[in-house]
Each structure stands twice: as structure tokens, then as C-alpha cells.
């Protein structure tokens, strides 16, 4: 299990880590609001990419997933991550009055762009995997 976890970190953890770092950098610039949708798009894409690889790493526990099921699982989990993030911002705003959420429109935009990012990333993953022969997929198993 530890070996699979390390492989997952190497294969996919770089994506959400880079987005979190980009988010921290963007918050300290005068373009913070202009970059907001881009960061949420990239966050959704990174979460979906990571969760896609996480589902593959957990194949022993999940069983062999059909490709469409694998992609839908990663998409659904990425949307849950985006929703959880917005719930956390809401909670922080109400407990400490940080004003992370500017408006309902801001929150809905964050969720929209995160969802579009997740769908885009998984679409790219699907296209890349469709271009590869089945035997070149990790372990030769279906994803």
C-alpha cells in the first residue's frame, strides 16, 4: 500500500500542489480577481487528474473499473472536492469573518470553473488513453 501511495504522489500529486502554490502567489498580486477563474479551473483540473490516478492506484480495493466509470468517479470526486472547498470558505467566513466569498455569484463561478476544469482534464486524459494501446496502460488493466 505504501508503495502505491508513493507512486501516486509521483504520478499525480504534483498537479494539486502546483495549483495551491499558484493560488498563494496569485493572492498576493494586484490581478487576484482576474486570476480567480483561472485558479479555480486549474484546481478542478488538478483535483480530477489526481483523483483519476488515485482511483487507478486503488484498483485492488475498487476492483477493475470500466474506463467510463473510472472517469465518472474521478469527475464526481473532483466536484465534491470543489464543493467541500466552498463549504470550508463559507465556514471560515462565518467563524472568522475573512470574506473569502465575495458573493453568491463568486461562489457559483468558482464551482462552475472548477467543474469545467475537471471535465476538461478528464477529457484530455480520455483522449490520451484512447490513443494508447490497452497493453500500455499501467498493469495492462483497464482503467
N, C-alpha and C. Protein backbone atom coordinates (compact mmCIF):
# COMPACT_ATOMS: atom_id res chain seq x y z
N UNK A 1 0.83 -1.20 0.00
CA UNK A 1 0.00 0.00 0.00
C UNK A 1 0.87 1.26 0.00
N UNK A 2 1.93 1.27 0.80
CA UNK A 2 2.82 2.43 0.85
C UNK A 2 3.47 2.67 -0.51
N UNK A 3 3.86 1.58 -1.18
CA UNK A 3 4.47 1.71 -2.49
C UNK A 3 3.50 2.35 -3.49
N UNK A 4 2.22 1.94 -3.44
CA UNK A 4 1.22 2.53 -4.33
C UNK A 4 1.01 4.01 -4.01
N UNK A 5 1.04 4.36 -2.72
CA UNK A 5 0.88 5.75 -2.31
C UNK A 5 2.04 6.60 -2.84
N UNK A 6 3.24 6.10 -2.74
CA UNK A 6 4.41 6.83 -3.24
C UNK A 6 4.32 6.99 -4.75
N UNK A 7 3.89 5.94 -5.44
CA UNK A 7 3.72 6.03 -6.90
C UNK A 7 2.67 7.08 -7.26
N UNK A 8 1.58 7.11 -6.49
CA UNK A 8 0.54 8.10 -6.73
C UNK A 8 1.08 9.51 -6.53
N UNK A 9 1.85 9.71 -5.48
CA UNK A 9 2.43 11.03 -5.24
C UNK A 9 3.31 11.45 -6.41
N UNK A 10 4.11 10.53 -6.90
CA UNK A 10 4.99 10.84 -8.03
C UNK A 10 4.21 11.09 -9.31
N UNK A 11 3.19 10.29 -9.55
CA UNK A 11 2.46 10.37 -10.80
C UNK A 11 1.53 11.58 -10.89
N UNK A 12 0.90 11.97 -9.77
CA UNK A 12 -0.17 12.95 -9.90
C UNK A 12 -0.24 14.03 -8.83
N UNK A 13 0.43 13.89 -7.72
CA UNK A 13 0.30 14.89 -6.65
C UNK A 13 0.90 16.24 -7.02
N UNK A 14 1.78 16.24 -8.00
CA UNK A 14 2.38 17.50 -8.43
C UNK A 14 1.31 18.49 -8.90
N UNK A 15 0.23 18.00 -9.50
CA UNK A 15 -0.78 18.90 -10.07
C UNK A 15 -1.48 19.74 -9.00
N UNK A 16 -2.10 19.13 -7.99
CA UNK A 16 -2.75 19.97 -6.98
C UNK A 16 -1.75 20.81 -6.17
N UNK A 17 -0.56 20.30 -5.98
CA UNK A 17 0.46 21.08 -5.24
C UNK A 17 0.80 22.35 -6.01
N UNK A 18 1.00 22.22 -7.32
CA UNK A 18 1.31 23.41 -8.13
C UNK A 18 0.16 24.41 -8.13
N UNK A 19 -1.07 23.93 -8.19
CA UNK A 19 -2.22 24.84 -8.18
C UNK A 19 -2.32 25.56 -6.84
N UNK A 20 -2.10 24.85 -5.74
CA UNK A 20 -2.13 25.50 -4.42
C UNK A 20 -1.04 26.57 -4.32
N UNK A 21 0.13 26.28 -4.86
CA UNK A 21 1.20 27.29 -4.87
C UNK A 21 0.84 28.47 -5.75
N UNK A 22 0.27 28.21 -6.93
CA UNK A 22 -0.15 29.29 -7.83
C UNK A 22 -1.23 30.14 -7.17
N UNK A 23 -2.12 29.49 -6.43
CA UNK A 23 -3.17 30.22 -5.72
C UNK A 23 -2.55 31.17 -4.69
N UNK A 24 -1.58 30.69 -3.95
CA UNK A 24 -0.92 31.53 -2.95
C UNK A 24 -0.22 32.72 -3.60
N UNK A 25 0.42 32.48 -4.74
CA UNK A 25 1.11 33.56 -5.45
C UNK A 25 0.08 34.56 -5.99
N UNK A 26 -0.99 34.05 -6.60
CA UNK A 26 -1.98 34.95 -7.21
C UNK A 26 -2.68 35.82 -6.18
N UNK A 27 -2.84 35.32 -4.97
CA UNK A 27 -3.50 36.10 -3.91
C UNK A 27 -2.68 37.33 -3.52
N UNK A 28 -1.41 37.32 -3.83
CA UNK A 28 -0.52 38.42 -3.44
C UNK A 28 -0.23 39.38 -4.59
N UNK A 29 -1.04 39.30 -5.65
CA UNK A 29 -0.83 40.17 -6.80
C UNK A 29 -2.03 41.10 -6.96
N UNK A 30 -1.85 42.17 -7.70
CA UNK A 30 -3.00 43.04 -7.98
C UNK A 30 -4.01 42.40 -8.94
N UNK A 31 -3.66 41.28 -9.55
CA UNK A 31 -4.54 40.60 -10.52
C UNK A 31 -5.33 39.47 -9.87
N UNK A 32 -5.40 39.47 -8.55
CA UNK A 32 -6.06 38.39 -7.82
C UNK A 32 -7.45 38.08 -8.37
N UNK A 33 -8.29 39.12 -8.54
CA UNK A 33 -9.66 38.85 -9.03
C UNK A 33 -9.66 38.38 -10.48
N UNK A 34 -8.75 38.90 -11.28
CA UNK A 34 -8.69 38.49 -12.69
C UNK A 34 -8.23 37.04 -12.83
N UNK A 35 -7.42 36.57 -11.90
CA UNK A 35 -6.91 35.20 -11.96
C UNK A 35 -7.81 34.19 -11.26
N UNK A 36 -8.83 34.66 -10.57
CA UNK A 36 -9.68 33.79 -9.76
C UNK A 36 -10.26 32.63 -10.57
N UNK A 37 -10.88 32.93 -11.73
CA UNK A 37 -11.49 31.85 -12.51
C UNK A 37 -10.43 30.88 -13.04
N UNK A 38 -9.26 31.40 -13.38
CA UNK A 38 -8.19 30.53 -13.89
C UNK A 38 -7.73 29.57 -12.80
N UNK A 39 -7.56 30.08 -11.59
CA UNK A 39 -7.12 29.23 -10.48
C UNK A 39 -8.16 28.15 -10.19
N UNK A 40 -9.45 28.51 -10.23
CA UNK A 40 -10.49 27.51 -9.97
C UNK A 40 -10.58 26.48 -11.10
N UNK A 41 -10.39 26.92 -12.33
CA UNK A 41 -10.35 25.99 -13.46
C UNK A 41 -9.19 25.00 -13.28
N UNK A 42 -8.01 25.54 -12.98
CA UNK A 42 -6.83 24.68 -12.79
C UNK A 42 -6.99 23.79 -11.56
N UNK A 43 -7.63 24.30 -10.51
CA UNK A 43 -7.88 23.49 -9.32
C UNK A 43 -8.77 22.30 -9.62
N UNK A 44 -9.83 22.52 -10.39
CA UNK A 44 -10.71 21.41 -10.79
C UNK A 44 -9.97 20.40 -11.65
N UNK A 45 -9.15 20.91 -12.57
CA UNK A 45 -8.38 20.02 -13.44
C UNK A 45 -7.37 19.20 -12.62
N UNK A 46 -6.67 19.86 -11.70
CA UNK A 46 -5.67 19.17 -10.88
C UNK A 46 -6.31 18.13 -9.97
N UNK A 47 -7.44 18.49 -9.38
CA UNK A 47 -8.14 17.54 -8.50
C UNK A 47 -8.59 16.31 -9.29
N UNK A 48 -9.17 16.53 -10.46
CA UNK A 48 -9.64 15.41 -11.28
C UNK A 48 -8.48 14.53 -11.72
N UNK A 49 -7.38 15.15 -12.14
CA UNK A 49 -6.20 14.40 -12.57
C UNK A 49 -5.66 13.54 -11.43
N UNK A 50 -5.54 14.15 -10.24
CA UNK A 50 -5.05 13.42 -9.08
C UNK A 50 -6.00 12.29 -8.71
N UNK A 51 -7.29 12.57 -8.67
CA UNK A 51 -8.27 11.55 -8.26
C UNK A 51 -8.40 10.43 -9.29
N UNK A 52 -8.19 10.75 -10.56
CA UNK A 52 -8.17 9.72 -11.60
C UNK A 52 -7.04 8.72 -11.30
N UNK A 53 -5.86 9.27 -11.01
CA UNK A 53 -4.71 8.41 -10.69
C UNK A 53 -4.89 7.70 -9.35
N UNK A 54 -5.55 8.36 -8.41
CA UNK A 54 -5.82 7.72 -7.11
C UNK A 54 -6.74 6.51 -7.28
N UNK A 55 -7.75 6.65 -8.12
CA UNK A 55 -8.65 5.51 -8.38
C UNK A 55 -7.90 4.36 -9.01
N UNK A 56 -6.96 4.68 -9.90
CA UNK A 56 -6.14 3.63 -10.52
C UNK A 56 -5.25 2.97 -9.47
N UNK A 57 -4.69 3.77 -8.56
CA UNK A 57 -3.82 3.22 -7.51
C UNK A 57 -4.60 2.34 -6.54
N UNK A 58 -5.89 2.59 -6.44
CA UNK A 58 -6.74 1.80 -5.52
C UNK A 58 -7.50 0.70 -6.25
N UNK A 59 -7.00 0.27 -7.39
CA UNK A 59 -7.70 -0.74 -8.19
C UNK A 59 -7.94 -2.03 -7.40
N UNK A 60 -7.00 -2.38 -6.53
CA UNK A 60 -7.17 -3.60 -5.74
C UNK A 60 -8.41 -3.49 -4.84
N UNK A 61 -8.61 -2.31 -4.25
CA UNK A 61 -9.76 -2.10 -3.36
C UNK A 61 -11.06 -1.83 -4.13
N UNK A 62 -10.96 -1.10 -5.24
CA UNK A 62 -12.15 -0.72 -6.00
C UNK A 62 -12.57 -1.78 -7.02
N UNK A 63 -11.62 -2.62 -7.39
CA UNK A 63 -11.87 -3.56 -8.48
C UNK A 63 -11.53 -2.88 -9.79
N UNK A 64 -11.59 -3.63 -10.87
CA UNK A 64 -11.29 -3.08 -12.18
C UNK A 64 -12.49 -2.28 -12.66
N UNK A 65 -12.25 -1.02 -12.92
CA UNK A 65 -13.32 -0.13 -13.38
C UNK A 65 -13.29 -0.03 -14.90
N UNK A 66 -14.45 0.03 -15.49
CA UNK A 66 -14.53 0.32 -16.92
C UNK A 66 -14.05 1.76 -17.11
N UNK A 67 -13.49 2.08 -18.27
CA UNK A 67 -12.97 3.44 -18.47
C UNK A 67 -13.98 4.55 -18.17
N UNK A 68 -15.20 4.40 -18.63
CA UNK A 68 -16.19 5.46 -18.39
C UNK A 68 -16.49 5.59 -16.90
N UNK A 69 -16.54 4.48 -16.18
CA UNK A 69 -16.79 4.51 -14.73
C UNK A 69 -15.63 5.17 -14.01
N UNK A 70 -14.43 4.87 -14.44
CA UNK A 70 -13.22 5.46 -13.86
C UNK A 70 -13.24 6.98 -14.01
N UNK A 71 -13.56 7.44 -15.21
CA UNK A 71 -13.61 8.89 -15.47
C UNK A 71 -14.75 9.55 -14.69
N UNK A 72 -15.91 8.92 -14.64
CA UNK A 72 -17.04 9.49 -13.91
C UNK A 72 -16.76 9.55 -12.40
N UNK A 73 -16.09 8.54 -11.88
CA UNK A 73 -15.73 8.55 -10.47
C UNK A 73 -14.79 9.71 -10.17
N UNK A 74 -13.76 9.87 -10.99
CA UNK A 74 -12.81 10.98 -10.78
C UNK A 74 -13.51 12.32 -10.91
N UNK A 75 -14.42 12.45 -11.87
CA UNK A 75 -15.15 13.70 -12.05
C UNK A 75 -16.02 14.01 -10.83
N UNK A 76 -16.78 13.01 -10.39
CA UNK A 76 -17.67 13.20 -9.24
C UNK A 76 -16.88 13.58 -7.99
N UNK A 77 -15.75 12.91 -7.77
CA UNK A 77 -14.93 13.23 -6.59
C UNK A 77 -14.32 14.63 -6.70
N UNK A 78 -13.94 15.04 -7.91
CA UNK A 78 -13.38 16.39 -8.09
C UNK A 78 -14.45 17.45 -7.80
N UNK A 79 -15.69 17.20 -8.21
CA UNK A 79 -16.77 18.13 -7.91
C UNK A 79 -17.04 18.18 -6.41
N UNK A 80 -16.96 17.03 -5.74
CA UNK A 80 -17.12 17.00 -4.29
C UNK A 80 -16.00 17.80 -3.61
N UNK A 81 -14.78 17.70 -4.13
CA UNK A 81 -13.67 18.48 -3.58
C UNK A 81 -13.95 19.98 -3.73
N UNK A 82 -14.42 20.39 -4.91
CA UNK A 82 -14.73 21.81 -5.14
C UNK A 82 -15.84 22.28 -4.20
N UNK A 83 -16.86 21.47 -4.04
CA UNK A 83 -17.96 21.81 -3.14
C UNK A 83 -17.47 21.90 -1.70
N UNK A 84 -16.64 20.95 -1.29
CA UNK A 84 -16.07 20.97 0.05
C UNK A 84 -15.23 22.21 0.29
N UNK A 85 -14.48 22.61 -0.73
CA UNK A 85 -13.65 23.81 -0.63
C UNK A 85 -14.53 25.04 -0.38
N UNK A 86 -15.62 25.14 -1.13
CA UNK A 86 -16.53 26.28 -0.97
C UNK A 86 -17.23 26.25 0.38
N UNK A 87 -17.59 25.06 0.87
CA UNK A 87 -18.16 24.95 2.21
C UNK A 87 -17.15 25.41 3.26
N UNK A 88 -15.88 25.06 3.06
CA UNK A 88 -14.84 25.48 4.00
C UNK A 88 -14.70 27.00 3.99
N UNK A 89 -14.72 27.61 2.80
CA UNK A 89 -14.66 29.07 2.72
C UNK A 89 -15.85 29.70 3.43
N UNK A 90 -17.03 29.15 3.22
CA UNK A 90 -18.24 29.66 3.87
C UNK A 90 -18.10 29.59 5.39
N UNK A 91 -17.61 28.45 5.88
CA UNK A 91 -17.45 28.26 7.33
C UNK A 91 -16.43 29.25 7.89
N UNK A 92 -15.32 29.40 7.21
CA UNK A 92 -14.28 30.34 7.66
C UNK A 92 -14.81 31.77 7.68
N UNK A 93 -15.57 32.11 6.64
CA UNK A 93 -16.16 33.46 6.59
C UNK A 93 -17.06 33.72 7.79
N UNK A 94 -17.85 32.72 8.16
CA UNK A 94 -18.79 32.92 9.26
C UNK A 94 -18.14 32.83 10.64
N UNK A 95 -17.08 32.05 10.75
CA UNK A 95 -16.41 31.94 12.05
C UNK A 95 -15.45 33.09 12.30
N UNK A 96 -14.68 33.47 11.28
CA UNK A 96 -13.63 34.47 11.48
C UNK A 96 -13.80 35.73 10.64
N UNK A 97 -14.88 35.80 9.85
CA UNK A 97 -15.20 36.98 9.04
C UNK A 97 -14.05 37.38 8.11
N UNK A 98 -13.51 36.41 7.39
CA UNK A 98 -12.40 36.67 6.47
C UNK A 98 -12.85 37.22 5.13
N UNK A 99 -14.12 37.03 4.76
CA UNK A 99 -14.65 37.48 3.46
C UNK A 99 -13.96 36.81 2.28
N UNK A 100 -13.79 35.50 2.36
CA UNK A 100 -13.25 34.73 1.24
C UNK A 100 -14.25 34.66 0.10
N UNK A 101 -15.52 34.55 0.45
CA UNK A 101 -16.58 34.51 -0.55
C UNK A 101 -17.18 35.91 -0.67
N UNK A 102 -17.02 36.48 -1.85
CA UNK A 102 -17.48 37.85 -2.06
C UNK A 102 -18.99 37.92 -2.27
N UNK A 103 -19.54 36.90 -2.93
CA UNK A 103 -20.97 36.90 -3.24
C UNK A 103 -21.38 35.49 -3.67
N UNK A 104 -22.68 35.30 -3.82
CA UNK A 104 -23.17 34.03 -4.33
C UNK A 104 -22.69 33.82 -5.77
N UNK A 105 -22.64 34.90 -6.53
CA UNK A 105 -22.15 34.82 -7.91
C UNK A 105 -20.69 34.35 -7.93
N UNK A 106 -19.89 34.87 -7.02
CA UNK A 106 -18.48 34.47 -6.90
C UNK A 106 -18.38 32.97 -6.59
N UNK A 107 -19.17 32.51 -5.63
CA UNK A 107 -19.14 31.10 -5.24
C UNK A 107 -19.59 30.20 -6.38
N UNK A 108 -20.67 30.59 -7.05
CA UNK A 108 -21.17 29.78 -8.16
C UNK A 108 -20.16 29.76 -9.31
N UNK A 109 -19.49 30.89 -9.54
CA UNK A 109 -18.45 30.93 -10.57
C UNK A 109 -17.29 30.02 -10.23
N UNK A 110 -16.90 30.01 -8.95
CA UNK A 110 -15.83 29.12 -8.50
C UNK A 110 -16.19 27.66 -8.77
N UNK A 111 -17.42 27.29 -8.42
CA UNK A 111 -17.87 25.91 -8.65
C UNK A 111 -17.95 25.60 -10.13
N UNK A 112 -18.45 26.54 -10.92
CA UNK A 112 -18.57 26.34 -12.36
C UNK A 112 -17.21 26.11 -12.99
N UNK A 113 -16.24 26.99 -12.71
CA UNK A 113 -14.93 26.86 -13.33
C UNK A 113 -14.16 25.63 -12.83
N UNK A 114 -14.35 25.26 -11.57
CA UNK A 114 -13.75 24.03 -11.06
C UNK A 114 -14.30 22.81 -11.77
N UNK A 115 -15.61 22.81 -12.00
CA UNK A 115 -16.26 21.69 -12.70
C UNK A 115 -15.80 21.61 -14.15
N UNK A 116 -15.74 22.75 -14.82
CA UNK A 116 -15.27 22.78 -16.21
C UNK A 116 -13.81 22.32 -16.28
N UNK A 117 -13.00 22.73 -15.33
CA UNK A 117 -11.60 22.29 -15.29
C UNK A 117 -11.50 20.78 -15.13
N UNK A 118 -12.32 20.22 -14.24
CA UNK A 118 -12.31 18.76 -14.04
C UNK A 118 -12.72 18.04 -15.30
N UNK A 119 -13.78 18.51 -15.95
CA UNK A 119 -14.25 17.87 -17.18
C UNK A 119 -13.20 17.96 -18.28
N UNK A 120 -12.55 19.11 -18.39
CA UNK A 120 -11.52 19.31 -19.41
C UNK A 120 -10.33 18.37 -19.18
N UNK A 121 -9.85 18.31 -17.95
CA UNK A 121 -8.70 17.45 -17.64
C UNK A 121 -9.03 15.99 -17.94
N UNK A 122 -10.21 15.55 -17.54
CA UNK A 122 -10.57 14.15 -17.77
C UNK A 122 -10.82 13.88 -19.25
N UNK A 123 -11.28 14.86 -19.98
CA UNK A 123 -11.41 14.72 -21.43
C UNK A 123 -10.04 14.52 -22.07
N UNK A 124 -9.07 15.29 -21.63
CA UNK A 124 -7.70 15.15 -22.15
C UNK A 124 -7.13 13.78 -21.79
N UNK A 125 -7.35 13.35 -20.53
CA UNK A 125 -6.88 12.03 -20.11
C UNK A 125 -7.52 10.94 -20.97
N UNK A 126 -8.82 11.06 -21.23
CA UNK A 126 -9.53 10.07 -22.05
C UNK A 126 -8.97 10.02 -23.47
N UNK A 127 -8.71 11.19 -24.04
CA UNK A 127 -8.15 11.23 -25.40
C UNK A 127 -6.76 10.62 -25.44
N UNK A 128 -5.94 10.93 -24.45
CA UNK A 128 -4.58 10.36 -24.40
C UNK A 128 -4.63 8.85 -24.24
N UNK A 129 -5.54 8.37 -23.38
CA UNK A 129 -5.62 6.92 -23.17
C UNK A 129 -6.21 6.20 -24.37
N UNK A 130 -7.11 6.85 -25.08
CA UNK A 130 -7.69 6.24 -26.28
C UNK A 130 -6.63 6.10 -27.38
N UNK A 131 -5.65 6.98 -27.37
CA UNK A 131 -4.59 6.93 -28.37
C UNK A 131 -3.55 5.86 -28.07
N UNK A 132 -3.54 5.35 -26.82
CA UNK A 132 -2.57 4.32 -26.42
C UNK A 132 -3.18 2.94 -26.57
N UNK A 133 -2.35 1.96 -26.92
CA UNK A 133 -2.87 0.58 -26.90
C UNK A 133 -3.16 0.15 -25.46
N UNK A 134 -4.15 -0.72 -25.27
CA UNK A 134 -4.57 -1.16 -23.94
C UNK A 134 -3.42 -1.76 -23.14
N UNK A 135 -2.49 -2.43 -23.80
CA UNK A 135 -1.40 -3.07 -23.07
C UNK A 135 -0.43 -2.06 -22.46
N UNK A 136 -0.44 -0.81 -22.95
CA UNK A 136 0.50 0.16 -22.39
C UNK A 136 -0.04 0.85 -21.13
N UNK A 137 -1.31 0.62 -20.81
CA UNK A 137 -1.85 1.17 -19.56
C UNK A 137 -1.18 0.47 -18.39
N UNK A 138 -1.02 1.17 -17.30
CA UNK A 138 -0.32 0.59 -16.15
C UNK A 138 -0.93 -0.72 -15.74
N UNK A 139 -0.10 -1.70 -15.66
CA UNK A 139 -0.56 -3.02 -15.23
C UNK A 139 -1.32 -3.76 -16.32
N UNK A 140 -1.49 -3.13 -17.50
CA UNK A 140 -2.20 -3.76 -18.59
C UNK A 140 -3.69 -3.90 -18.31
N UNK A 141 -4.16 -3.35 -17.19
CA UNK A 141 -5.58 -3.48 -16.84
C UNK A 141 -6.36 -2.31 -17.40
N UNK A 142 -7.65 -2.50 -17.51
CA UNK A 142 -8.50 -1.40 -17.92
C UNK A 142 -8.51 -0.37 -16.82
N UNK A 143 -8.69 0.88 -17.23
CA UNK A 143 -8.80 1.93 -16.22
C UNK A 143 -10.24 2.24 -16.06
